N, C-alpha and C. Protein backbone atom coordinates (compact mmCIF):
# COMPACT_ATOMS: atom_id res chain seq x y z
N MET A 1 0.82 -1.19 0.00
CA MET A 1 0.00 0.00 0.00
C MET A 1 0.86 1.24 0.00
N THR A 2 0.48 2.18 -0.85
CA THR A 2 1.20 3.45 -0.84
C THR A 2 0.40 4.45 -0.02
N ARG A 3 1.10 5.13 0.77
CA ARG A 3 0.47 6.16 1.60
C ARG A 3 0.55 7.52 0.90
N ASN A 4 -0.41 8.34 1.16
CA ASN A 4 -0.40 9.69 0.62
C ASN A 4 0.77 10.43 1.26
N LYS A 5 1.69 10.89 0.43
CA LYS A 5 2.88 11.55 0.95
C LYS A 5 2.58 12.91 1.57
N LYS A 6 1.57 13.55 1.06
CA LYS A 6 1.23 14.88 1.59
C LYS A 6 -0.02 14.77 2.44
N GLN A 7 0.09 15.19 3.65
CA GLN A 7 -1.05 15.19 4.58
C GLN A 7 -1.88 16.46 4.33
N PRO A 8 -3.18 16.36 4.53
CA PRO A 8 -4.02 17.56 4.36
C PRO A 8 -3.62 18.64 5.36
N LYS A 9 -3.70 19.87 4.89
CA LYS A 9 -3.36 21.01 5.76
C LYS A 9 -4.64 21.53 6.41
N PRO A 10 -4.50 22.02 7.61
CA PRO A 10 -5.67 22.61 8.27
C PRO A 10 -6.13 23.85 7.49
N ILE A 11 -7.42 24.05 7.51
CA ILE A 11 -8.00 25.20 6.78
C ILE A 11 -7.46 26.51 7.30
N SER A 12 -7.22 26.62 8.58
CA SER A 12 -6.73 27.87 9.15
C SER A 12 -5.41 28.29 8.51
N LEU A 13 -4.58 27.31 8.14
CA LEU A 13 -3.33 27.65 7.46
C LEU A 13 -3.59 28.09 6.03
N LEU A 14 -4.55 27.45 5.38
CA LEU A 14 -4.84 27.80 3.99
C LEU A 14 -5.42 29.20 3.85
N LEU A 15 -6.30 29.56 4.76
CA LEU A 15 -6.97 30.86 4.67
C LEU A 15 -6.20 31.97 5.37
N ASP A 16 -5.22 31.61 6.15
CA ASP A 16 -4.51 32.58 6.98
C ASP A 16 -5.57 33.39 7.73
N LYS A 17 -6.21 32.73 8.67
CA LYS A 17 -7.43 33.17 9.34
C LYS A 17 -7.45 34.65 9.70
N ASN A 18 -6.42 35.17 10.33
CA ASN A 18 -6.43 36.56 10.76
C ASN A 18 -6.48 37.51 9.57
N ASN A 19 -5.68 37.23 8.55
CA ASN A 19 -5.65 38.10 7.38
C ASN A 19 -6.99 38.07 6.65
N PHE A 20 -7.60 36.91 6.57
CA PHE A 20 -8.89 36.77 5.90
C PHE A 20 -9.96 37.57 6.62
N GLN A 21 -10.01 37.47 7.94
CA GLN A 21 -11.01 38.20 8.71
C GLN A 21 -10.80 39.70 8.61
N GLN A 22 -9.55 40.14 8.66
CA GLN A 22 -9.28 41.57 8.55
C GLN A 22 -9.68 42.08 7.17
N SER A 23 -9.39 41.30 6.15
CA SER A 23 -9.71 41.71 4.79
C SER A 23 -11.21 41.83 4.60
N THR A 24 -11.98 40.87 5.08
CA THR A 24 -13.43 40.94 4.90
C THR A 24 -14.05 42.08 5.69
N SER A 25 -13.56 42.33 6.89
CA SER A 25 -14.12 43.44 7.66
C SER A 25 -13.75 44.78 7.02
N LEU A 26 -12.56 44.88 6.45
CA LEU A 26 -12.15 46.11 5.76
C LEU A 26 -13.01 46.32 4.52
N ILE A 27 -13.24 45.25 3.76
CA ILE A 27 -14.08 45.36 2.56
C ILE A 27 -15.48 45.80 2.93
N THR A 28 -16.01 45.25 4.01
CA THR A 28 -17.35 45.62 4.46
C THR A 28 -17.41 47.10 4.84
N LYS A 29 -16.41 47.57 5.58
CA LYS A 29 -16.38 48.98 5.98
C LYS A 29 -16.27 49.90 4.76
N LEU A 30 -15.38 49.54 3.83
CA LEU A 30 -15.20 50.36 2.63
C LEU A 30 -16.45 50.34 1.76
N ASP A 31 -17.16 49.21 1.73
CA ASP A 31 -18.38 49.13 0.93
C ASP A 31 -19.46 50.05 1.52
N ILE A 32 -19.52 50.15 2.83
CA ILE A 32 -20.48 51.06 3.47
C ILE A 32 -20.18 52.50 3.08
N VAL A 33 -18.90 52.87 3.09
CA VAL A 33 -18.49 54.22 2.70
C VAL A 33 -18.81 54.44 1.22
N LEU A 34 -18.53 53.43 0.40
CA LEU A 34 -18.80 53.53 -1.04
C LEU A 34 -20.28 53.73 -1.31
N GLN A 35 -21.13 52.95 -0.66
CA GLN A 35 -22.57 53.05 -0.89
C GLN A 35 -23.10 54.42 -0.49
N ARG A 36 -22.60 54.95 0.61
CA ARG A 36 -23.01 56.29 1.05
C ARG A 36 -22.61 57.34 0.02
N PHE A 37 -21.38 57.22 -0.50
CA PHE A 37 -20.87 58.15 -1.50
C PHE A 37 -21.68 58.05 -2.79
N LEU A 38 -21.94 56.81 -3.24
CA LEU A 38 -22.66 56.61 -4.50
C LEU A 38 -24.10 57.10 -4.41
N LYS A 39 -24.69 56.98 -3.24
CA LYS A 39 -26.06 57.45 -3.06
C LYS A 39 -26.14 58.96 -3.26
N GLN A 40 -25.11 59.68 -2.82
CA GLN A 40 -25.07 61.14 -2.99
C GLN A 40 -24.95 61.51 -4.47
N HIS A 41 -24.35 60.64 -5.28
CA HIS A 41 -24.12 60.92 -6.70
C HIS A 41 -25.08 60.16 -7.61
N ASN A 42 -26.13 59.59 -7.03
CA ASN A 42 -27.15 58.86 -7.79
C ASN A 42 -26.57 57.75 -8.67
N ILE A 43 -25.64 57.01 -8.12
CA ILE A 43 -25.06 55.86 -8.81
C ILE A 43 -25.47 54.64 -8.00
N SER A 44 -25.97 53.62 -8.70
CA SER A 44 -26.44 52.45 -7.96
C SER A 44 -25.90 51.17 -8.55
N GLY A 45 -25.95 50.11 -7.74
CA GLY A 45 -25.59 48.79 -8.22
C GLY A 45 -24.12 48.43 -8.12
N CYS A 46 -23.27 49.32 -7.66
CA CYS A 46 -21.84 49.05 -7.56
C CYS A 46 -21.51 48.47 -6.18
N ARG A 47 -20.38 47.78 -6.10
CA ARG A 47 -19.93 47.24 -4.81
C ARG A 47 -18.42 47.11 -4.81
N VAL A 48 -17.87 46.99 -3.60
CA VAL A 48 -16.43 46.76 -3.47
C VAL A 48 -16.18 45.29 -3.76
N GLY A 49 -15.26 45.03 -4.68
CA GLY A 49 -14.94 43.66 -5.04
C GLY A 49 -13.83 43.09 -4.19
N ASN A 50 -12.73 43.84 -4.08
CA ASN A 50 -11.57 43.35 -3.36
C ASN A 50 -10.63 44.52 -3.09
N ILE A 51 -9.73 44.33 -2.15
CA ILE A 51 -8.66 45.29 -1.92
C ILE A 51 -7.37 44.50 -1.83
N GLU A 52 -6.40 44.92 -2.61
CA GLU A 52 -5.14 44.21 -2.64
C GLU A 52 -4.01 45.20 -2.90
N ASN A 53 -3.04 45.21 -2.03
CA ASN A 53 -1.87 46.10 -2.16
C ASN A 53 -2.27 47.56 -2.33
N GLY A 54 -3.28 48.00 -1.60
CA GLY A 54 -3.70 49.40 -1.64
C GLY A 54 -4.56 49.75 -2.83
N SER A 55 -4.87 48.79 -3.67
CA SER A 55 -5.70 49.03 -4.84
C SER A 55 -7.10 48.46 -4.59
N LEU A 56 -8.08 49.32 -4.66
CA LEU A 56 -9.46 48.93 -4.39
C LEU A 56 -10.16 48.63 -5.70
N LEU A 57 -10.76 47.45 -5.81
CA LEU A 57 -11.51 47.06 -6.99
C LEU A 57 -12.99 47.30 -6.73
N ILE A 58 -13.61 48.10 -7.59
CA ILE A 58 -15.05 48.36 -7.50
C ILE A 58 -15.70 47.70 -8.70
N GLU A 59 -16.74 46.91 -8.44
CA GLU A 59 -17.47 46.24 -9.50
C GLU A 59 -18.72 47.04 -9.83
N SER A 60 -18.99 47.16 -11.12
CA SER A 60 -20.13 47.93 -11.60
C SER A 60 -20.98 47.07 -12.52
N PRO A 61 -22.31 47.26 -12.51
CA PRO A 61 -23.16 46.43 -13.37
C PRO A 61 -23.10 46.78 -14.85
N SER A 62 -22.66 48.01 -15.19
CA SER A 62 -22.63 48.39 -16.60
C SER A 62 -21.52 49.41 -16.86
N ALA A 63 -21.19 49.55 -18.12
CA ALA A 63 -20.15 50.50 -18.52
C ALA A 63 -20.58 51.94 -18.27
N LEU A 64 -21.89 52.17 -18.29
CA LEU A 64 -22.40 53.50 -18.01
C LEU A 64 -22.01 53.95 -16.61
N TRP A 65 -22.18 53.05 -15.63
CA TRP A 65 -21.81 53.39 -14.26
C TRP A 65 -20.31 53.51 -14.11
N VAL A 66 -19.55 52.75 -14.89
CA VAL A 66 -18.07 52.88 -14.85
C VAL A 66 -17.69 54.29 -15.27
N GLN A 67 -18.32 54.79 -16.33
CA GLN A 67 -18.04 56.16 -16.79
C GLN A 67 -18.37 57.18 -15.72
N ARG A 68 -19.52 57.02 -15.08
CA ARG A 68 -19.91 57.97 -14.04
C ARG A 68 -18.95 57.92 -12.87
N LEU A 69 -18.46 56.71 -12.54
CA LEU A 69 -17.48 56.58 -11.46
C LEU A 69 -16.16 57.23 -11.83
N GLN A 70 -15.80 57.20 -13.10
CA GLN A 70 -14.55 57.83 -13.54
C GLN A 70 -14.59 59.34 -13.28
N PHE A 71 -15.77 59.94 -13.44
CA PHE A 71 -15.89 61.38 -13.22
C PHE A 71 -15.72 61.76 -11.76
N VAL A 72 -16.11 60.89 -10.85
CA VAL A 72 -16.04 61.22 -9.42
C VAL A 72 -14.92 60.45 -8.72
N ARG A 73 -14.03 59.86 -9.49
CA ARG A 73 -12.98 58.99 -8.96
C ARG A 73 -12.12 59.69 -7.90
N SER A 74 -11.67 60.90 -8.17
CA SER A 74 -10.78 61.58 -7.22
C SER A 74 -11.51 61.90 -5.91
N ASP A 75 -12.77 62.33 -6.02
CA ASP A 75 -13.56 62.59 -4.80
C ASP A 75 -13.77 61.31 -4.00
N LEU A 76 -14.05 60.22 -4.71
CA LEU A 76 -14.27 58.94 -4.06
C LEU A 76 -12.99 58.46 -3.38
N LEU A 77 -11.86 58.62 -4.05
CA LEU A 77 -10.58 58.20 -3.47
C LEU A 77 -10.28 58.98 -2.19
N SER A 78 -10.51 60.28 -2.20
CA SER A 78 -10.25 61.07 -0.98
C SER A 78 -11.22 60.68 0.14
N GLU A 79 -12.46 60.36 -0.20
CA GLU A 79 -13.44 59.92 0.79
C GLU A 79 -13.01 58.59 1.41
N LEU A 80 -12.57 57.66 0.56
CA LEU A 80 -12.14 56.35 1.07
C LEU A 80 -10.86 56.46 1.91
N ARG A 81 -9.97 57.36 1.53
CA ARG A 81 -8.73 57.55 2.29
C ARG A 81 -8.99 58.08 3.68
N GLN A 82 -10.06 58.83 3.85
CA GLN A 82 -10.39 59.33 5.19
C GLN A 82 -10.73 58.18 6.13
N HIS A 83 -11.28 57.10 5.57
CA HIS A 83 -11.67 55.97 6.40
C HIS A 83 -10.62 54.88 6.46
N HIS A 84 -9.80 54.79 5.43
CA HIS A 84 -8.72 53.81 5.43
C HIS A 84 -7.59 54.37 4.58
N SER A 85 -6.52 54.79 5.24
CA SER A 85 -5.46 55.54 4.56
C SER A 85 -4.62 54.72 3.58
N SER A 86 -4.72 53.40 3.63
CA SER A 86 -3.86 52.60 2.74
C SER A 86 -4.43 52.46 1.32
N VAL A 87 -5.64 52.98 1.07
CA VAL A 87 -6.21 52.93 -0.28
C VAL A 87 -5.48 53.96 -1.14
N ARG A 88 -4.76 53.44 -2.14
CA ARG A 88 -3.97 54.33 -3.00
C ARG A 88 -4.54 54.47 -4.40
N ASN A 89 -5.31 53.50 -4.83
CA ASN A 89 -5.76 53.48 -6.22
C ASN A 89 -7.15 52.84 -6.27
N ILE A 90 -7.92 53.24 -7.27
CA ILE A 90 -9.23 52.65 -7.48
C ILE A 90 -9.29 52.08 -8.89
N LYS A 91 -9.68 50.82 -8.98
CA LYS A 91 -9.92 50.19 -10.29
C LYS A 91 -11.40 49.90 -10.37
N VAL A 92 -11.99 50.18 -11.52
CA VAL A 92 -13.42 49.94 -11.71
C VAL A 92 -13.58 48.98 -12.88
N LYS A 93 -14.30 47.89 -12.64
CA LYS A 93 -14.53 46.90 -13.68
C LYS A 93 -16.02 46.59 -13.78
N VAL A 94 -16.43 46.19 -14.97
CA VAL A 94 -17.82 45.82 -15.20
C VAL A 94 -18.02 44.37 -14.78
N ASN A 95 -19.04 44.13 -13.97
CA ASN A 95 -19.45 42.79 -13.59
C ASN A 95 -20.91 42.63 -14.00
N PRO A 96 -21.18 42.01 -15.17
CA PRO A 96 -22.56 41.92 -15.65
C PRO A 96 -23.48 41.14 -14.72
N GLN A 97 -22.93 40.31 -13.84
CA GLN A 97 -23.77 39.56 -12.90
C GLN A 97 -24.53 40.50 -11.95
N LEU A 98 -23.97 41.68 -11.70
CA LEU A 98 -24.65 42.63 -10.82
C LEU A 98 -25.90 43.19 -11.46
N ALA A 99 -25.95 43.19 -12.80
CA ALA A 99 -27.11 43.74 -13.50
C ALA A 99 -28.30 42.81 -13.45
N LYS A 100 -28.04 41.53 -13.23
CA LYS A 100 -29.14 40.57 -13.16
C LYS A 100 -29.79 40.69 -11.79
N ALA A 101 -31.03 41.10 -11.79
CA ALA A 101 -31.75 41.29 -10.53
C ALA A 101 -32.42 39.99 -10.13
N SER A 102 -32.37 39.70 -8.86
CA SER A 102 -33.05 38.50 -8.36
C SER A 102 -34.55 38.78 -8.30
N PRO A 103 -35.37 37.74 -8.29
CA PRO A 103 -36.82 37.94 -8.26
C PRO A 103 -37.30 38.75 -7.06
N THR A 104 -36.57 38.68 -5.95
CA THR A 104 -37.00 39.45 -4.78
C THR A 104 -36.70 40.93 -4.95
N GLN A 105 -35.73 41.27 -5.82
CA GLN A 105 -35.39 42.67 -6.02
C GLN A 105 -36.33 43.35 -7.01
N ILE A 106 -36.95 42.55 -7.87
CA ILE A 106 -37.84 43.12 -8.87
C ILE A 106 -39.19 43.39 -8.20
N LYS A 107 -39.56 44.62 -8.20
CA LYS A 107 -40.85 44.98 -7.63
C LYS A 107 -41.79 45.26 -8.79
N LYS A 108 -42.85 44.50 -8.83
CA LYS A 108 -43.82 44.71 -9.89
C LYS A 108 -44.61 45.97 -9.57
N ALA A 109 -44.60 46.87 -10.51
CA ALA A 109 -45.31 48.12 -10.32
C ALA A 109 -46.80 47.88 -10.49
N LYS A 110 -47.53 48.21 -9.47
CA LYS A 110 -48.97 48.07 -9.55
C LYS A 110 -49.52 49.28 -10.29
N PRO A 111 -50.44 49.05 -11.20
CA PRO A 111 -51.01 50.20 -11.91
C PRO A 111 -51.77 51.09 -10.93
N VAL A 112 -51.51 52.36 -11.04
CA VAL A 112 -52.15 53.32 -10.15
C VAL A 112 -53.46 53.76 -10.79
N LYS A 113 -54.52 53.55 -10.08
CA LYS A 113 -55.82 53.98 -10.58
C LYS A 113 -55.99 55.44 -10.23
N LYS A 114 -56.22 56.22 -11.27
CA LYS A 114 -56.41 57.65 -11.05
C LYS A 114 -57.89 57.91 -10.83
N ARG A 115 -58.14 58.68 -9.83
CA ARG A 115 -59.52 59.07 -9.56
C ARG A 115 -59.86 60.26 -10.44
N ALA A 116 -61.06 60.22 -10.94
CA ALA A 116 -61.51 61.33 -11.78
C ALA A 116 -61.68 62.57 -10.91
N GLU A 117 -61.20 63.67 -11.44
CA GLU A 117 -61.39 64.92 -10.72
C GLU A 117 -62.78 65.45 -11.03
N LYS A 118 -63.31 66.16 -10.09
CA LYS A 118 -64.65 66.71 -10.29
C LYS A 118 -64.58 67.86 -11.27
N MET A 119 -65.61 67.95 -12.10
CA MET A 119 -65.66 69.02 -13.10
C MET A 119 -66.65 70.10 -12.66
N SER A 120 -66.53 71.21 -13.33
CA SER A 120 -67.44 72.31 -12.97
C SER A 120 -68.87 71.99 -13.39
N LYS A 121 -69.79 72.72 -12.81
CA LYS A 121 -71.21 72.50 -13.09
C LYS A 121 -71.53 72.77 -14.56
N GLY A 122 -70.86 73.75 -15.15
CA GLY A 122 -71.10 74.11 -16.55
C GLY A 122 -70.73 72.97 -17.50
N ILE A 123 -69.62 72.31 -17.23
CA ILE A 123 -69.20 71.19 -18.08
C ILE A 123 -70.16 70.03 -17.90
N SER A 124 -70.58 69.80 -16.68
CA SER A 124 -71.53 68.73 -16.39
C SER A 124 -72.84 68.96 -17.16
N GLU A 125 -73.32 70.20 -17.16
CA GLU A 125 -74.55 70.53 -17.89
C GLU A 125 -74.36 70.36 -19.40
N ALA A 126 -73.15 70.66 -19.90
CA ALA A 126 -72.88 70.48 -21.33
C ALA A 126 -72.95 69.00 -21.71
N PHE A 127 -72.43 68.13 -20.83
CA PHE A 127 -72.52 66.68 -21.09
C PHE A 127 -73.98 66.23 -21.13
N LEU A 128 -74.78 66.74 -20.20
CA LEU A 128 -76.19 66.37 -20.16
C LEU A 128 -76.93 66.87 -21.41
N ALA A 129 -76.56 68.06 -21.88
CA ALA A 129 -77.19 68.60 -23.09
C ALA A 129 -76.82 67.75 -24.31
N LEU A 130 -75.57 67.30 -24.38
CA LEU A 130 -75.15 66.44 -25.48
C LEU A 130 -75.86 65.09 -25.42
N ALA A 131 -76.11 64.62 -24.21
CA ALA A 131 -76.72 63.30 -24.03
C ALA A 131 -78.16 63.26 -24.52
N GLU A 132 -78.85 64.41 -24.57
CA GLU A 132 -80.26 64.44 -24.96
C GLU A 132 -80.49 63.89 -26.36
N ASN A 133 -79.58 64.20 -27.31
CA ASN A 133 -79.78 63.82 -28.69
C ASN A 133 -78.85 62.67 -29.12
N ALA A 134 -78.18 62.02 -28.17
CA ALA A 134 -77.23 60.95 -28.50
C ALA A 134 -77.91 59.59 -28.51
N ASP A 135 -77.24 58.61 -29.14
CA ASP A 135 -77.78 57.24 -29.12
C ASP A 135 -77.69 56.69 -27.69
N PRO A 136 -78.42 55.63 -27.37
CA PRO A 136 -78.56 55.17 -25.98
C PRO A 136 -77.24 54.86 -25.26
N GLN A 137 -76.28 54.22 -25.93
CA GLN A 137 -75.02 53.89 -25.24
C GLN A 137 -74.22 55.15 -24.92
N LEU A 138 -74.13 56.06 -25.90
CA LEU A 138 -73.41 57.31 -25.68
C LEU A 138 -74.13 58.16 -24.63
N LYS A 139 -75.45 58.13 -24.66
CA LYS A 139 -76.24 58.90 -23.69
C LYS A 139 -75.93 58.44 -22.27
N LYS A 140 -75.84 57.13 -22.09
CA LYS A 140 -75.54 56.58 -20.77
C LYS A 140 -74.15 57.00 -20.30
N ALA A 141 -73.17 56.98 -21.21
CA ALA A 141 -71.80 57.35 -20.87
C ALA A 141 -71.71 58.83 -20.52
N LEU A 142 -72.38 59.69 -21.30
CA LEU A 142 -72.35 61.12 -21.03
C LEU A 142 -73.03 61.46 -19.71
N GLN A 143 -74.11 60.79 -19.41
CA GLN A 143 -74.80 61.02 -18.13
C GLN A 143 -73.93 60.56 -16.96
N SER A 144 -73.20 59.48 -17.18
CA SER A 144 -72.29 58.99 -16.14
C SER A 144 -71.17 60.00 -15.88
N LEU A 145 -70.64 60.57 -16.96
CA LEU A 145 -69.60 61.59 -16.81
C LEU A 145 -70.12 62.83 -16.09
N ALA A 146 -71.35 63.18 -16.36
CA ALA A 146 -71.94 64.38 -15.76
C ALA A 146 -72.07 64.25 -14.24
N THR A 147 -72.04 63.04 -13.71
CA THR A 147 -72.18 62.87 -12.27
C THR A 147 -70.93 63.27 -11.49
N PHE A 148 -69.83 63.55 -12.18
CA PHE A 148 -68.59 63.96 -11.50
C PHE A 148 -68.46 65.46 -11.31
N SER A 149 -69.56 66.18 -11.32
CA SER A 149 -69.48 67.62 -11.16
C SER A 149 -69.31 67.99 -9.69
N ASP A 150 -68.85 69.22 -9.46
CA ASP A 150 -68.64 69.73 -8.11
C ASP A 150 -69.95 69.90 -7.35
N ASP A 151 -70.92 70.45 -8.04
CA ASP A 151 -72.19 70.78 -7.40
C ASP A 151 -73.25 69.78 -7.84
N LYS A 152 -73.49 68.80 -6.99
CA LYS A 152 -74.54 67.83 -7.31
C LYS A 152 -75.85 68.35 -6.71
N LYS A 153 -76.86 68.43 -7.54
CA LYS A 153 -78.15 68.93 -7.06
C LYS A 153 -79.23 67.97 -7.39
């Protein structure tokens, strides 16, 4: 029988536990700052992807948002530096997966029923006058419209 020459390594060694935890907490903090900044500039859907060697990667759902981020890049960099001084550079890349909305994010717009505004008494009387000589279906519709007047008597 041949034995496996290499023994499995503990996960803590593979992930370098402390560095991994620090990195994720830093990314979370920077993402909060990023979201606050983007909200002020009406940019949505972007997120912090990674930070490595002082270079922050921001993922964007479309090239349009990448362009908008390019315009505010220097302001964003100074904002991020206030919260974490080791951020030296910002890279922005398109991640089309961010553009795909999950079913829970899609809100179906319910059609808004508009209530008819009340019309003046003169317009209501004009509808009634038109209804006198109209065919029965049109007469019924015009009389129905006339009921939306301000002064019902």
